[in-house]
Amino acid sequence: MFEQYKLPFASDALEPVIDKTTVETHHGKHHATYTATFNKLVSDAGLEGKSVEEILGGLDAVSDEALRKGLRNNGGGYYNHNLYFMTLSPDGGGQPRGKLLDKIVATFGSFDNMKQKLSDLALTQFGSGWSFLSADKNGELYASQSPNQDNPISEGTGRTPILAIDVWEHAYYLGYKNLRADYVKAIWDKIDWNKVEELYENTIG
């Protein structure tokens, strides 16, 4: 059974960037529902024992169209929200160090350029979706956007997301209303770069 990521901080700890009610609703209701539904669908599809990455990367093998769609949406919701919440911290902000920072500079020209690229992708994602910073096994970095609960894994890129910006309205609307740009600008102050660095190291082995 897949377990929902448990927040290591209080629901009001990300304020004023993300308010308590948004965290409680987003994590406690939306993410919890994705997790529960995904577990049911995994059982229905006979995919117990596979990792979420294996399931999302192998959706073409699921012949039942409704099951495949449900796994893509709810499995993506489960995976994306785990990543989103685990890379947020009350003590976030700043920038990474070491290999990840070096690769960011080599890929995007500077850390600020990378932030701007991911922010632009988040802002130009029409409707609900995400912007991702992903890595491949060779350590190369990629910035991308995905609709709904898709991600680079379900899209078949072979890349692993290491940072996600959620631009579904439930991620920000209570605090920012229609001002998505204000939310995207503010969330950088809560990114846990230590965790992002750890995910990068895990991806490149």
N, C-alpha and C. Protein backbone atom coordinates (compact mmCIF):
# COMPACT_ATOMS: atom_id res chain seq x y z
N MET A 1 0.84 -1.20 0.00
CA MET A 1 0.00 0.00 0.00
C MET A 1 0.87 1.25 0.00
N PHE A 2 0.52 2.19 -0.84
CA PHE A 2 1.26 3.44 -0.92
C PHE A 2 0.82 4.37 0.21
N GLU A 3 1.80 5.01 0.83
CA GLU A 3 1.52 5.89 1.96
C GLU A 3 1.70 7.34 1.57
N GLN A 4 0.79 8.15 2.01
CA GLN A 4 0.87 9.59 1.79
C GLN A 4 2.04 10.17 2.59
N TYR A 5 2.78 11.07 1.97
CA TYR A 5 3.86 11.74 2.67
C TYR A 5 3.31 12.49 3.88
N LYS A 6 3.95 12.28 5.02
CA LYS A 6 3.52 12.93 6.26
C LYS A 6 4.33 14.21 6.47
N LEU A 7 3.63 15.29 6.69
CA LEU A 7 4.30 16.57 6.86
C LEU A 7 5.14 16.59 8.14
N PRO A 8 6.42 17.00 8.05
CA PRO A 8 7.26 17.07 9.24
C PRO A 8 7.16 18.42 9.95
N PHE A 9 6.16 19.20 9.58
CA PHE A 9 5.97 20.53 10.18
C PHE A 9 4.48 20.77 10.39
N ALA A 10 4.16 21.74 11.24
CA ALA A 10 2.77 22.08 11.52
C ALA A 10 2.12 22.71 10.30
N SER A 11 0.79 22.63 10.24
CA SER A 11 0.08 23.12 9.06
C SER A 11 0.19 24.62 8.88
N ASP A 12 0.56 25.35 9.94
CA ASP A 12 0.73 26.80 9.81
C ASP A 12 2.19 27.22 9.64
N ALA A 13 3.08 26.24 9.50
CA ALA A 13 4.51 26.55 9.52
C ALA A 13 5.02 27.21 8.24
N LEU A 14 4.25 27.13 7.16
CA LEU A 14 4.68 27.74 5.90
C LEU A 14 4.13 29.15 5.72
N GLU A 15 3.36 29.62 6.69
CA GLU A 15 2.82 30.98 6.59
C GLU A 15 3.95 32.00 6.64
N PRO A 16 3.82 33.15 5.99
CA PRO A 16 2.65 33.61 5.22
C PRO A 16 2.63 33.14 3.77
N VAL A 17 3.63 32.37 3.35
CA VAL A 17 3.69 31.97 1.94
C VAL A 17 2.52 31.06 1.58
N ILE A 18 2.27 30.04 2.42
CA ILE A 18 1.13 29.15 2.23
C ILE A 18 0.38 29.08 3.55
N ASP A 19 -0.88 29.45 3.54
CA ASP A 19 -1.62 29.56 4.79
C ASP A 19 -2.05 28.19 5.33
N LYS A 20 -2.39 28.18 6.60
CA LYS A 20 -2.75 26.95 7.31
C LYS A 20 -3.92 26.23 6.65
N THR A 21 -4.95 26.95 6.28
CA THR A 21 -6.14 26.31 5.69
C THR A 21 -5.80 25.65 4.36
N THR A 22 -4.97 26.30 3.57
CA THR A 22 -4.56 25.70 2.29
C THR A 22 -3.79 24.42 2.52
N VAL A 23 -2.85 24.41 3.47
CA VAL A 23 -2.09 23.19 3.76
C VAL A 23 -3.03 22.08 4.24
N GLU A 24 -3.94 22.42 5.13
CA GLU A 24 -4.86 21.40 5.66
C GLU A 24 -5.76 20.84 4.57
N THR A 25 -6.23 21.70 3.67
CA THR A 25 -7.11 21.25 2.60
C THR A 25 -6.32 20.50 1.52
N HIS A 26 -5.20 21.07 1.13
CA HIS A 26 -4.39 20.51 0.05
C HIS A 26 -3.81 19.16 0.43
N HIS A 27 -3.17 19.10 1.59
CA HIS A 27 -2.55 17.84 2.04
C HIS A 27 -3.57 16.91 2.66
N GLY A 28 -4.39 17.43 3.55
CA GLY A 28 -5.29 16.58 4.32
C GLY A 28 -6.47 16.04 3.54
N LYS A 29 -6.86 16.72 2.47
CA LYS A 29 -8.03 16.28 1.70
C LYS A 29 -7.66 15.89 0.27
N HIS A 30 -7.12 16.82 -0.51
CA HIS A 30 -6.81 16.50 -1.91
C HIS A 30 -5.78 15.37 -2.01
N HIS A 31 -4.64 15.54 -1.35
CA HIS A 31 -3.58 14.54 -1.43
C HIS A 31 -4.03 13.22 -0.83
N ALA A 32 -4.76 13.28 0.26
CA ALA A 32 -5.25 12.05 0.89
C ALA A 32 -6.19 11.29 -0.05
N THR A 33 -7.01 12.02 -0.79
CA THR A 33 -7.93 11.38 -1.72
C THR A 33 -7.19 10.74 -2.88
N TYR A 34 -6.20 11.44 -3.43
CA TYR A 34 -5.39 10.85 -4.49
C TYR A 34 -4.75 9.54 -4.01
N THR A 35 -4.23 9.56 -2.79
CA THR A 35 -3.54 8.38 -2.26
C THR A 35 -4.49 7.20 -2.11
N ALA A 36 -5.64 7.45 -1.50
CA ALA A 36 -6.62 6.38 -1.28
C ALA A 36 -7.14 5.81 -2.60
N THR A 37 -7.43 6.69 -3.54
CA THR A 37 -7.96 6.24 -4.83
C THR A 37 -6.90 5.48 -5.61
N PHE A 38 -5.67 5.95 -5.57
CA PHE A 38 -4.57 5.26 -6.25
C PHE A 38 -4.40 3.85 -5.70
N ASN A 39 -4.43 3.70 -4.39
CA ASN A 39 -4.28 2.38 -3.79
C ASN A 39 -5.38 1.42 -4.25
N LYS A 40 -6.60 1.91 -4.34
CA LYS A 40 -7.70 1.07 -4.80
C LYS A 40 -7.49 0.65 -6.25
N LEU A 41 -7.08 1.58 -7.09
CA LEU A 41 -6.88 1.28 -8.50
C LEU A 41 -5.71 0.33 -8.72
N VAL A 42 -4.66 0.48 -7.93
CA VAL A 42 -3.52 -0.44 -8.02
C VAL A 42 -3.98 -1.86 -7.72
N SER A 43 -4.82 -1.99 -6.70
CA SER A 43 -5.37 -3.31 -6.37
C SER A 43 -6.26 -3.83 -7.50
N ASP A 44 -7.12 -2.99 -8.03
CA ASP A 44 -8.01 -3.39 -9.11
C ASP A 44 -7.24 -3.84 -10.34
N ALA A 45 -6.09 -3.19 -10.59
CA ALA A 45 -5.29 -3.50 -11.77
C ALA A 45 -4.31 -4.65 -11.53
N GLY A 46 -4.23 -5.16 -10.29
CA GLY A 46 -3.31 -6.24 -9.98
C GLY A 46 -1.85 -5.82 -10.05
N LEU A 47 -1.59 -4.57 -9.65
CA LEU A 47 -0.23 -4.03 -9.76
C LEU A 47 0.48 -3.91 -8.41
N GLU A 48 -0.05 -4.61 -7.40
CA GLU A 48 0.60 -4.57 -6.09
C GLU A 48 2.04 -5.06 -6.21
N GLY A 49 2.92 -4.42 -5.45
CA GLY A 49 4.32 -4.81 -5.47
C GLY A 49 5.16 -3.96 -6.40
N LYS A 50 4.54 -3.22 -7.29
CA LYS A 50 5.27 -2.32 -8.19
C LYS A 50 5.41 -0.95 -7.53
N SER A 51 6.48 -0.25 -7.85
CA SER A 51 6.66 1.10 -7.34
C SER A 51 5.78 2.06 -8.13
N VAL A 52 5.55 3.24 -7.58
CA VAL A 52 4.75 4.23 -8.29
C VAL A 52 5.44 4.61 -9.59
N GLU A 53 6.76 4.67 -9.59
CA GLU A 53 7.50 4.99 -10.81
C GLU A 53 7.29 3.92 -11.87
N GLU A 54 7.30 2.66 -11.47
CA GLU A 54 7.07 1.57 -12.42
C GLU A 54 5.66 1.63 -12.99
N ILE A 55 4.70 1.95 -12.14
CA ILE A 55 3.30 2.01 -12.60
C ILE A 55 3.11 3.16 -13.57
N LEU A 56 3.60 4.35 -13.21
CA LEU A 56 3.42 5.51 -14.07
C LEU A 56 4.21 5.38 -15.37
N GLY A 57 5.35 4.73 -15.29
CA GLY A 57 6.17 4.55 -16.48
C GLY A 57 5.71 3.41 -17.37
N GLY A 58 4.79 2.59 -16.87
CA GLY A 58 4.33 1.44 -17.63
C GLY A 58 2.83 1.44 -17.89
N LEU A 59 2.24 2.62 -17.99
CA LEU A 59 0.79 2.72 -18.15
C LEU A 59 0.30 2.09 -19.45
N ASP A 60 1.14 2.09 -20.48
CA ASP A 60 0.72 1.51 -21.76
C ASP A 60 0.40 0.02 -21.64
N ALA A 61 0.92 -0.62 -20.58
CA ALA A 61 0.68 -2.05 -20.40
C ALA A 61 -0.68 -2.33 -19.76
N VAL A 62 -1.36 -1.28 -19.29
CA VAL A 62 -2.68 -1.45 -18.68
C VAL A 62 -3.71 -1.35 -19.80
N SER A 63 -4.34 -2.48 -20.13
CA SER A 63 -5.23 -2.53 -21.30
C SER A 63 -6.57 -1.85 -21.06
N ASP A 64 -7.07 -1.88 -19.84
CA ASP A 64 -8.36 -1.27 -19.54
C ASP A 64 -8.21 0.26 -19.54
N GLU A 65 -8.91 0.92 -20.44
CA GLU A 65 -8.73 2.36 -20.61
C GLU A 65 -9.10 3.15 -19.36
N ALA A 66 -10.20 2.78 -18.70
CA ALA A 66 -10.62 3.50 -17.50
C ALA A 66 -9.61 3.33 -16.37
N LEU A 67 -9.10 2.11 -16.20
CA LEU A 67 -8.08 1.88 -15.18
C LEU A 67 -6.81 2.66 -15.49
N ARG A 68 -6.41 2.64 -16.76
CA ARG A 68 -5.19 3.35 -17.17
C ARG A 68 -5.31 4.85 -16.88
N LYS A 69 -6.47 5.41 -17.22
CA LYS A 69 -6.69 6.84 -16.98
C LYS A 69 -6.70 7.13 -15.48
N GLY A 70 -7.37 6.28 -14.71
CA GLY A 70 -7.42 6.48 -13.27
C GLY A 70 -6.06 6.39 -12.62
N LEU A 71 -5.26 5.43 -13.05
CA LEU A 71 -3.91 5.28 -12.51
C LEU A 71 -3.04 6.48 -12.87
N ARG A 72 -3.20 6.98 -14.09
CA ARG A 72 -2.41 8.13 -14.52
C ARG A 72 -2.76 9.36 -13.67
N ASN A 73 -4.06 9.60 -13.50
CA ASN A 73 -4.49 10.79 -12.77
C ASN A 73 -4.21 10.69 -11.27
N ASN A 74 -4.60 9.59 -10.66
CA ASN A 74 -4.45 9.45 -9.21
C ASN A 74 -3.04 9.06 -8.81
N GLY A 75 -2.38 8.24 -9.63
CA GLY A 75 -0.98 7.93 -9.36
C GLY A 75 -0.11 9.16 -9.53
N GLY A 76 -0.42 9.95 -10.56
CA GLY A 76 0.30 11.21 -10.73
C GLY A 76 0.03 12.16 -9.58
N GLY A 77 -1.23 12.23 -9.15
CA GLY A 77 -1.56 13.08 -8.02
C GLY A 77 -0.84 12.66 -6.75
N TYR A 78 -0.76 11.35 -6.53
CA TYR A 78 -0.04 10.83 -5.38
C TYR A 78 1.45 11.19 -5.46
N TYR A 79 2.06 10.87 -6.60
CA TYR A 79 3.51 11.10 -6.76
C TYR A 79 3.84 12.59 -6.72
N ASN A 80 3.11 13.39 -7.49
CA ASN A 80 3.43 14.81 -7.59
C ASN A 80 3.28 15.52 -6.25
N HIS A 81 2.24 15.16 -5.50
CA HIS A 81 2.04 15.82 -4.21
C HIS A 81 3.06 15.36 -3.17
N ASN A 82 3.45 14.10 -3.20
CA ASN A 82 4.53 13.68 -2.32
C ASN A 82 5.77 14.52 -2.57
N LEU A 83 6.13 14.68 -3.85
CA LEU A 83 7.31 15.47 -4.20
C LEU A 83 7.14 16.93 -3.78
N TYR A 84 6.00 17.49 -4.06
CA TYR A 84 5.74 18.89 -3.74
C TYR A 84 5.90 19.15 -2.24
N PHE A 85 5.25 18.35 -1.42
CA PHE A 85 5.28 18.60 0.01
C PHE A 85 6.64 18.26 0.64
N MET A 86 7.33 17.25 0.12
CA MET A 86 8.62 16.90 0.73
C MET A 86 9.72 17.91 0.40
N THR A 87 9.50 18.76 -0.60
CA THR A 87 10.51 19.75 -0.95
C THR A 87 10.13 21.14 -0.46
N LEU A 88 9.17 21.22 0.47
CA LEU A 88 8.82 22.47 1.13
C LEU A 88 9.28 22.42 2.58
N SER A 89 9.70 23.55 3.10
CA SER A 89 10.17 23.60 4.48
C SER A 89 9.98 25.00 5.04
N PRO A 90 9.63 25.10 6.33
CA PRO A 90 9.57 26.42 6.97
C PRO A 90 10.91 27.15 6.90
N ASP A 91 11.99 26.38 6.81
CA ASP A 91 13.34 26.95 6.77
C ASP A 91 13.91 26.95 5.36
N GLY A 92 13.04 26.91 4.35
CA GLY A 92 13.50 26.83 2.97
C GLY A 92 14.01 28.16 2.45
N GLY A 93 14.25 28.16 1.15
CA GLY A 93 14.78 29.35 0.49
C GLY A 93 16.26 29.21 0.22
N GLY A 94 16.86 30.30 -0.21
CA GLY A 94 18.28 30.26 -0.56
C GLY A 94 18.50 29.53 -1.86
N GLN A 95 19.59 28.77 -1.93
CA GLN A 95 19.90 28.03 -3.13
C GLN A 95 20.68 26.77 -2.78
N PRO A 96 20.74 25.82 -3.70
CA PRO A 96 21.48 24.58 -3.41
C PRO A 96 22.98 24.82 -3.45
N ARG A 97 23.71 23.73 -3.20
CA ARG A 97 25.16 23.79 -3.21
C ARG A 97 25.70 22.63 -4.03
N GLY A 98 27.00 22.55 -4.13
CA GLY A 98 27.66 21.38 -4.69
C GLY A 98 27.26 21.04 -6.11
N LYS A 99 27.12 19.73 -6.37
CA LYS A 99 26.87 19.22 -7.73
C LYS A 99 25.62 19.82 -8.35
N LEU A 100 24.55 19.93 -7.55
CA LEU A 100 23.30 20.42 -8.12
C LEU A 100 23.44 21.87 -8.56
N LEU A 101 24.01 22.71 -7.74
CA LEU A 101 24.20 24.10 -8.12
C LEU A 101 25.09 24.20 -9.35
N ASP A 102 26.16 23.44 -9.38
CA ASP A 102 27.06 23.46 -10.54
C ASP A 102 26.32 23.08 -11.82
N LYS A 103 25.48 22.06 -11.72
CA LYS A 103 24.74 21.61 -12.91
C LYS A 103 23.67 22.63 -13.30
N ILE A 104 23.03 23.25 -12.32
CA ILE A 104 22.05 24.30 -12.63
C ILE A 104 22.71 25.43 -13.40
N VAL A 105 23.87 25.87 -12.94
CA VAL A 105 24.58 26.96 -13.61
C VAL A 105 25.01 26.54 -15.01
N ALA A 106 25.51 25.31 -15.14
CA ALA A 106 25.94 24.81 -16.45
C ALA A 106 24.77 24.69 -17.42
N THR A 107 23.61 24.33 -16.90
CA THR A 107 22.44 24.08 -17.76
C THR A 107 21.69 25.36 -18.10
N PHE A 108 21.48 26.21 -17.10
CA PHE A 108 20.61 27.38 -17.28
C PHE A 108 21.36 28.71 -17.30
N GLY A 109 22.63 28.68 -16.99
CA GLY A 109 23.42 29.91 -16.99
C GLY A 109 23.59 30.51 -15.61
N SER A 110 22.58 30.34 -14.77
CA SER A 110 22.65 30.82 -13.39
C SER A 110 21.48 30.23 -12.61
N PHE A 111 21.57 30.30 -11.30
CA PHE A 111 20.48 29.85 -10.45
C PHE A 111 19.23 30.69 -10.70
N ASP A 112 19.40 31.99 -10.82
CA ASP A 112 18.25 32.87 -11.06
C ASP A 112 17.59 32.56 -12.40
N ASN A 113 18.37 32.21 -13.40
CA ASN A 113 17.79 31.83 -14.70
C ASN A 113 16.92 30.58 -14.57
N MET A 114 17.39 29.62 -13.77
CA MET A 114 16.61 28.41 -13.55
C MET A 114 15.30 28.74 -12.86
N LYS A 115 15.35 29.57 -11.82
CA LYS A 115 14.12 29.98 -11.13
C LYS A 115 13.15 30.65 -12.09
N GLN A 116 13.68 31.53 -12.93
CA GLN A 116 12.82 32.23 -13.87
C GLN A 116 12.20 31.27 -14.88
N LYS A 117 12.99 30.30 -15.35
CA LYS A 117 12.48 29.32 -16.32
C LYS A 117 11.35 28.50 -15.71
N LEU A 118 11.55 27.97 -14.51
CA LEU A 118 10.51 27.17 -13.86
C LEU A 118 9.28 28.02 -13.52
N SER A 119 9.52 29.26 -13.12
CA SER A 119 8.41 30.16 -12.81
C SER A 119 7.60 30.44 -14.07
N ASP A 120 8.28 30.71 -15.18
CA ASP A 120 7.58 30.98 -16.44
C ASP A 120 6.76 29.78 -16.88
N LEU A 121 7.32 28.59 -16.71
CA LEU A 121 6.58 27.37 -17.08
C LEU A 121 5.35 27.20 -16.19
N ALA A 122 5.48 27.52 -14.91
CA ALA A 122 4.34 27.43 -13.99
C ALA A 122 3.26 28.44 -14.37
N LEU A 123 3.68 29.63 -14.76
CA LEU A 123 2.72 30.68 -15.07
C LEU A 123 2.04 30.47 -16.42
N THR A 124 2.71 29.83 -17.35
CA THR A 124 2.14 29.63 -18.68
C THR A 124 1.46 28.29 -18.84
N GLN A 125 1.45 27.47 -17.77
CA GLN A 125 0.70 26.22 -17.82
C GLN A 125 -0.79 26.56 -17.82
N PHE A 126 -1.46 26.28 -18.93
CA PHE A 126 -2.87 26.64 -19.05
C PHE A 126 -3.70 25.71 -18.16
N GLY A 127 -4.53 26.30 -17.32
CA GLY A 127 -5.35 25.50 -16.43
C GLY A 127 -4.50 24.84 -15.35
N SER A 128 -4.95 23.68 -14.90
CA SER A 128 -4.27 22.97 -13.81
C SER A 128 -3.03 22.26 -14.31
N GLY A 129 -2.01 22.18 -13.46
CA GLY A 129 -0.80 21.47 -13.84
C GLY A 129 0.38 21.80 -12.96
N TRP A 130 1.57 21.59 -13.51
CA TRP A 130 2.81 21.66 -12.74
C TRP A 130 3.96 22.18 -13.60
N SER A 131 4.97 22.72 -12.93
CA SER A 131 6.27 22.85 -13.57
C SER A 131 7.25 21.99 -12.77
N PHE A 132 8.17 21.38 -13.48
CA PHE A 132 9.09 20.42 -12.88
C PHE A 132 10.54 20.74 -13.22
N LEU A 133 11.42 20.53 -12.26
CA LEU A 133 12.84 20.38 -12.51
C LEU A 133 13.14 18.91 -12.39
N SER A 134 13.67 18.31 -13.44
CA SER A 134 13.91 16.87 -13.47
C SER A 134 15.36 16.58 -13.84
N ALA A 135 15.77 15.37 -13.53
CA ALA A 135 17.12 14.92 -13.86
C ALA A 135 17.07 13.55 -14.51
N ASP A 136 18.04 13.27 -15.38
CA ASP A 136 18.18 11.91 -15.87
C ASP A 136 19.33 11.22 -15.14
N LYS A 137 19.57 9.98 -15.45
CA LYS A 137 20.57 9.21 -14.71
C LYS A 137 21.99 9.71 -14.93
N ASN A 138 22.18 10.49 -15.98
CA ASN A 138 23.50 11.08 -16.25
C ASN A 138 23.70 12.41 -15.54
N GLY A 139 22.66 12.84 -14.82
CA GLY A 139 22.76 14.08 -14.08
C GLY A 139 22.34 15.32 -14.84
N GLU A 140 21.88 15.16 -16.09
CA GLU A 140 21.42 16.31 -16.85
C GLU A 140 20.10 16.82 -16.28
N LEU A 141 19.89 18.12 -16.33
CA LEU A 141 18.70 18.76 -15.78
C LEU A 141 17.78 19.26 -16.88
N TYR A 142 16.48 19.24 -16.59
CA TYR A 142 15.48 19.66 -17.56
C TYR A 142 14.36 20.41 -16.83
N ALA A 143 13.89 21.48 -17.43
CA ALA A 143 12.72 22.21 -16.93
C ALA A 143 11.56 21.93 -17.86
N SER A 144 10.39 21.64 -17.30
CA SER A 144 9.24 21.30 -18.13
C SER A 144 7.96 21.64 -17.41
N GLN A 145 6.85 21.60 -18.16
CA GLN A 145 5.53 21.77 -17.57
C GLN A 145 4.67 20.59 -17.98
N SER A 146 3.71 20.24 -17.14
CA SER A 146 2.81 19.13 -17.42
C SER A 146 1.40 19.51 -17.02
N PRO A 147 0.39 19.09 -17.79
CA PRO A 147 -0.99 19.37 -17.43
C PRO A 147 -1.52 18.39 -16.40
N ASN A 148 -2.56 18.81 -15.71
CA ASN A 148 -3.29 17.93 -14.80
C ASN A 148 -2.35 17.28 -13.80
N GLN A 149 -2.36 15.94 -13.68
CA GLN A 149 -1.44 15.25 -12.77
C GLN A 149 -0.38 14.46 -13.53
N ASP A 150 -0.11 14.84 -14.75
CA ASP A 150 0.97 14.22 -15.49
C ASP A 150 2.31 14.68 -14.93
N ASN A 151 3.36 13.98 -15.30
CA ASN A 151 4.72 14.36 -14.92
C ASN A 151 5.69 13.71 -15.90
N PRO A 152 6.98 14.01 -15.84
CA PRO A 152 7.91 13.43 -16.80
C PRO A 152 7.97 11.91 -16.80
N ILE A 153 7.56 11.27 -15.72
CA ILE A 153 7.56 9.81 -15.69
C ILE A 153 6.40 9.27 -16.52
N SER A 154 5.19 9.74 -16.25
CA SER A 154 4.03 9.25 -17.00
C SER A 154 4.09 9.69 -18.46
N GLU A 155 4.86 10.74 -18.74
CA GLU A 155 5.02 11.21 -20.11
C GLU A 155 6.09 10.45 -20.88
N GLY A 156 6.75 9.51 -20.18
CA GLY A 156 7.69 8.62 -20.85
C GLY A 156 9.03 9.23 -21.21
N THR A 157 9.46 10.25 -20.46
CA THR A 157 10.72 10.91 -20.78
C THR A 157 11.95 10.17 -20.24
N GLY A 158 11.74 9.30 -19.25
CA GLY A 158 12.87 8.66 -18.60
C GLY A 158 13.56 9.54 -17.58
N ARG A 159 12.96 10.68 -17.28
CA ARG A 159 13.54 11.61 -16.32
C ARG A 159 12.80 11.53 -14.99
N THR A 160 13.49 11.90 -13.91
CA THR A 160 12.92 11.86 -12.58
C THR A 160 12.75 13.27 -12.03
N PRO A 161 11.54 13.69 -11.70
CA PRO A 161 11.35 15.02 -11.11
C PRO A 161 12.02 15.12 -9.74
N ILE A 162 12.68 16.25 -9.52
CA ILE A 162 13.32 16.49 -8.22
C ILE A 162 12.76 17.75 -7.54
N LEU A 163 11.93 18.49 -8.28
CA LEU A 163 11.28 19.68 -7.73
C LEU A 163 10.01 19.92 -8.52
N ALA A 164 8.93 20.25 -7.80
CA ALA A 164 7.64 20.46 -8.46
C ALA A 164 6.97 21.71 -7.92
N ILE A 165 6.43 22.52 -8.82
CA ILE A 165 5.60 23.66 -8.42
C ILE A 165 4.18 23.36 -8.86
N ASP A 166 3.30 23.26 -7.90
CA ASP A 166 1.90 22.92 -8.14
C ASP A 166 1.13 24.19 -8.49
N VAL A 167 0.52 24.22 -9.67
CA VAL A 167 -0.30 25.37 -10.03
C VAL A 167 -1.76 25.00 -10.26
N TRP A 168 -2.20 23.89 -9.65
CA TRP A 168 -3.64 23.67 -9.51
C TRP A 168 -4.15 24.78 -8.58
N GLU A 169 -5.38 25.26 -8.82
CA GLU A 169 -5.89 26.35 -8.00
C GLU A 169 -5.99 26.00 -6.53
N HIS A 170 -6.20 24.71 -6.21
CA HIS A 170 -6.31 24.37 -4.78
C HIS A 170 -4.99 24.57 -4.04
N ALA A 171 -3.88 24.72 -4.77
CA ALA A 171 -2.59 24.93 -4.13
C ALA A 171 -2.40 26.36 -3.64
N TYR A 172 -3.18 27.29 -4.20
CA TYR A 172 -2.91 28.70 -3.86
C TYR A 172 -4.13 29.60 -3.78
N TYR A 173 -5.30 29.16 -4.22
CA TYR A 173 -6.40 30.10 -4.43
C TYR A 173 -6.94 30.72 -3.14
N LEU A 174 -6.91 29.98 -2.05
CA LEU A 174 -7.42 30.56 -0.79
C LEU A 174 -6.61 31.76 -0.35
N GLY A 175 -5.31 31.70 -0.58
CA GLY A 175 -4.43 32.78 -0.15
C GLY A 175 -4.17 33.84 -1.19
N TYR A 176 -4.16 33.43 -2.47
CA TYR A 176 -3.74 34.34 -3.53
C TYR A 176 -4.83 34.65 -4.55
N LYS A 177 -6.00 34.01 -4.40
CA LYS A 177 -7.09 34.18 -5.37
C LYS A 177 -6.56 33.88 -6.78
N ASN A 178 -6.76 34.80 -7.71
CA ASN A 178 -6.34 34.55 -9.08
C ASN A 178 -4.91 34.98 -9.37
N LEU A 179 -4.17 35.39 -8.35
CA LEU A 179 -2.82 35.93 -8.54
C LEU A 179 -1.78 34.80 -8.48
N ARG A 180 -1.82 33.93 -9.47
CA ARG A 180 -0.88 32.80 -9.52
C ARG A 180 0.56 33.28 -9.48
N ALA A 181 0.86 34.38 -10.14
CA ALA A 181 2.24 34.88 -10.19
C ALA A 181 2.78 35.21 -8.80
N ASP A 182 1.94 35.75 -7.93
CA ASP A 182 2.39 36.07 -6.57
C ASP A 182 2.73 34.81 -5.79
N TYR A 183 1.91 33.78 -5.97
CA TYR A 183 2.18 32.49 -5.31
C TYR A 183 3.48 31.88 -5.82
N VAL A 184 3.67 31.86 -7.13
CA VAL A 184 4.88 31.26 -7.70
C VAL A 184 6.13 32.00 -7.24
N LYS A 185 6.05 33.32 -7.18
CA LYS A 185 7.19 34.11 -6.70
C LYS A 185 7.50 33.79 -5.24
N ALA A 186 6.45 33.66 -4.43
CA ALA A 186 6.64 33.47 -2.99
C ALA A 186 7.13 32.08 -2.63
N ILE A 187 6.73 31.07 -3.40
CA ILE A 187 7.02 29.69 -2.98
C ILE A 187 8.51 29.38 -2.96
N TRP A 188 9.30 30.14 -3.72
CA TRP A 188 10.74 29.90 -3.70
C TRP A 188 11.34 30.10 -2.31
N ASP A 189 10.68 30.89 -1.47
CA ASP A 189 11.18 31.12 -0.11
C ASP A 189 10.97 29.92 0.81
N LYS A 190 10.25 28.90 0.33
CA LYS A 190 9.99 27.70 1.13
C LYS A 190 10.54 26.43 0.50
N ILE A 191 11.30 26.54 -0.58
CA ILE A 191 11.89 25.35 -1.20
C ILE A 191 13.03 24.83 -0.34
N ASP A 192 12.98 23.54 -0.03
CA ASP A 192 14.02 22.88 0.77
C ASP A 192 15.09 22.34 -0.17
N TRP A 193 16.12 23.12 -0.38
CA TRP A 193 17.16 22.73 -1.34
C TRP A 193 17.98 21.54 -0.85
N ASN A 194 18.05 21.33 0.45
CA ASN A 194 18.73 20.14 0.94
C ASN A 194 18.03 18.88 0.44
N LYS A 195 16.69 18.91 0.45
CA LYS A 195 15.93 17.76 -0.03
C LYS A 195 16.06 17.62 -1.54
N VAL A 196 16.02 18.72 -2.26
CA VAL A 196 16.16 18.66 -3.71
C VAL A 196 17.53 18.10 -4.08
N GLU A 197 18.56 18.52 -3.37
CA GLU A 197 19.91 17.98 -3.59
C GLU A 197 19.93 16.47 -3.34
N GLU A 198 19.27 16.03 -2.28
CA GLU A 198 19.21 14.60 -1.96
C GLU A 198 18.53 13.82 -3.09
N LEU A 199 17.44 14.36 -3.60
CA LEU A 199 16.73 13.69 -4.69
C LEU A 199 17.59 13.65 -5.95
N TYR A 200 18.34 14.71 -6.20
CA TYR A 200 19.24 14.74 -7.35
C TYR A 200 20.32 13.67 -7.22
N GLU A 201 20.93 13.59 -6.06
CA GLU A 201 21.97 12.58 -5.81
C GLU A 201 21.41 11.18 -5.97
N ASN A 202 20.18 10.95 -5.49
CA ASN A 202 19.56 9.64 -5.61
C ASN A 202 19.30 9.28 -7.07
N THR A 203 18.95 10.28 -7.87
CA THR A 203 18.64 10.04 -9.27
C THR A 203 19.88 9.63 -10.06
N ILE A 204 21.00 10.30 -9.78
CA ILE A 204 22.21 10.00 -10.54
C ILE A 204 23.01 8.86 -9.92
N GLY A 205 22.54 8.36 -8.77
CA GLY A 205 23.19 7.21 -8.14
C GLY A 205 24.55 7.50 -7.58
